[in-house]
Protein backbone atom coordinates (compact mmCIF):
# COMPACT_ATOMS: atom_id res chain seq x y z
CA MET A 1 51.50 100.70 15.88
CA PHE A 2 51.26 99.36 12.33
CA SER A 3 47.70 100.60 11.84
CA ASP A 4 49.06 104.16 11.95
CA TYR A 5 50.65 103.48 8.53
CA ILE A 6 47.52 102.26 6.79
CA GLN A 7 45.14 104.66 5.13
CA GLY A 8 42.16 104.02 2.91
CA ILE A 9 40.33 100.71 3.12
CA THR A 10 41.45 98.88 6.25
CA GLY A 11 40.26 96.02 8.38
CA GLN A 12 40.11 93.61 5.44
CA GLY A 13 42.92 91.37 6.72
CA TYR A 14 45.55 92.51 4.21
CA GLU A 15 47.55 94.84 6.45
CA GLU A 16 50.63 92.57 6.31
CA TYR A 17 50.96 93.38 2.61
CA ARG A 18 51.73 97.05 3.34
CA GLN A 19 49.33 98.57 0.83
CA ASP A 20 50.79 101.97 1.71
CA LEU A 21 54.16 101.09 0.17
CA THR A 22 54.81 101.31 -3.55
CA CYS A 23 57.74 101.74 -5.91
CA LEU A 24 58.83 103.67 -8.97
CA TYR A 25 60.64 101.22 -11.28
CA LEU A 26 63.40 102.44 -13.63
CA PRO A 27 64.72 99.62 -15.85
CA LYS A 28 68.17 99.76 -17.44
CA VAL A 29 68.27 97.99 -20.79
CA THR A 30 71.00 96.97 -23.21
CA LEU A 31 71.05 98.12 -26.82
CA LYS A 32 69.44 94.79 -27.74
CA GLY A 33 66.56 95.53 -25.38
CA ASP A 34 67.49 93.06 -22.64
CA ILE A 35 66.91 94.21 -19.06
CA LYS A 36 70.24 94.67 -17.30
CA SER A 37 68.91 95.83 -13.92
CA ILE A 38 65.95 97.66 -12.43
CA ASP A 39 66.50 100.65 -10.17
CA ILE A 40 63.69 101.24 -7.71
CA ILE A 41 62.69 104.36 -5.80
CA PRO A 42 60.76 103.16 -2.72
CA CYS A 43 57.68 105.29 -2.02
CA GLN A 44 54.83 105.52 0.42
CA ILE A 45 51.29 106.72 -0.21
CA ARG A 46 50.27 108.99 2.63
CA ASN A 47 47.52 111.63 2.68
CA LEU A 48 46.82 110.92 -1.01
CA LYS A 49 50.44 111.78 -1.90
CA VAL A 50 53.25 109.59 -3.13
CA GLN A 51 56.42 110.37 -1.18
CA ARG A 52 59.91 108.89 -1.08
CA ILE A 53 60.37 106.51 1.84
CA VAL A 54 62.97 107.58 4.39
CA LYS A 55 62.35 105.01 7.16
CA PRO A 56 64.99 102.27 6.94
CA GLU A 57 62.53 99.62 8.18
CA ASP A 58 60.10 100.39 5.33
CA ILE A 59 62.88 100.20 2.74
CA ALA A 60 64.06 96.92 4.30
CA TRP A 61 60.51 95.52 4.10
CA ILE A 62 60.36 96.20 0.36
CA ARG A 63 63.92 94.88 -0.19
CA ASN A 64 63.22 91.68 1.73
CA THR A 65 59.91 91.11 -0.06
CA LEU A 66 61.42 91.64 -3.51
CA SER A 67 64.40 89.40 -2.67
CA ARG A 68 62.15 86.63 -1.36
CA GLU A 69 59.76 86.76 -4.32
CA GLY A 70 62.57 87.06 -6.88
CA LYS A 71 64.51 84.06 -5.63
CA ASN A 72 62.66 81.64 -7.93
CA ILE A 73 63.41 83.70 -11.04
CA GLY A 74 67.07 84.31 -10.17
CA THR A 75 66.95 87.92 -9.00
CA SER A 76 68.03 89.65 -5.82
CA CYS A 77 67.33 93.10 -4.43
CA GLU A 78 70.03 95.31 -2.94
CA GLU A 79 70.22 98.79 -1.46
CA VAL A 80 72.06 101.47 -3.42
CA LYS A 81 72.43 105.21 -2.86
CA ASP A 82 71.72 107.81 -5.50
CA MET A 83 73.81 110.93 -6.10
CA LYS A 84 71.88 112.80 -3.38
CA GLY A 85 72.46 110.06 -0.80
CA ASN A 86 68.89 108.70 -0.90
CA VAL A 87 68.57 104.97 -0.39
CA ASN A 88 67.12 103.24 -3.44
CA LEU A 89 66.85 99.60 -4.38
CA ARG A 90 68.11 97.64 -7.37
CA ILE A 91 66.95 94.34 -8.81
CA VAL A 92 69.81 92.38 -10.34
CA TRP A 93 69.96 88.99 -11.99
CA LYS A 94 72.18 86.59 -10.04
CA ASN A 95 73.62 84.89 -13.12
CA GLU A 96 75.14 88.11 -14.48
């Protein structure tokens, strides 16, 4: 059940926003200072600790949310793997 994921203040009607999920954002910039892409490490707050997400459905939730919200500003979110095989996310601008 979804309520198993939520910790902290609950029952306020915001459970659909997945307050337990968060991200570490790592922008890549050009020499001129323009953002080229943003690499994202998906994380979950559990037992007062920030941990890397391993559940594919949680990573997909973040990816889908970032893709949906970024559509109006011309960005998309895609899954990428790091050198250790962990699934990360990347925000890219569609016009580049």
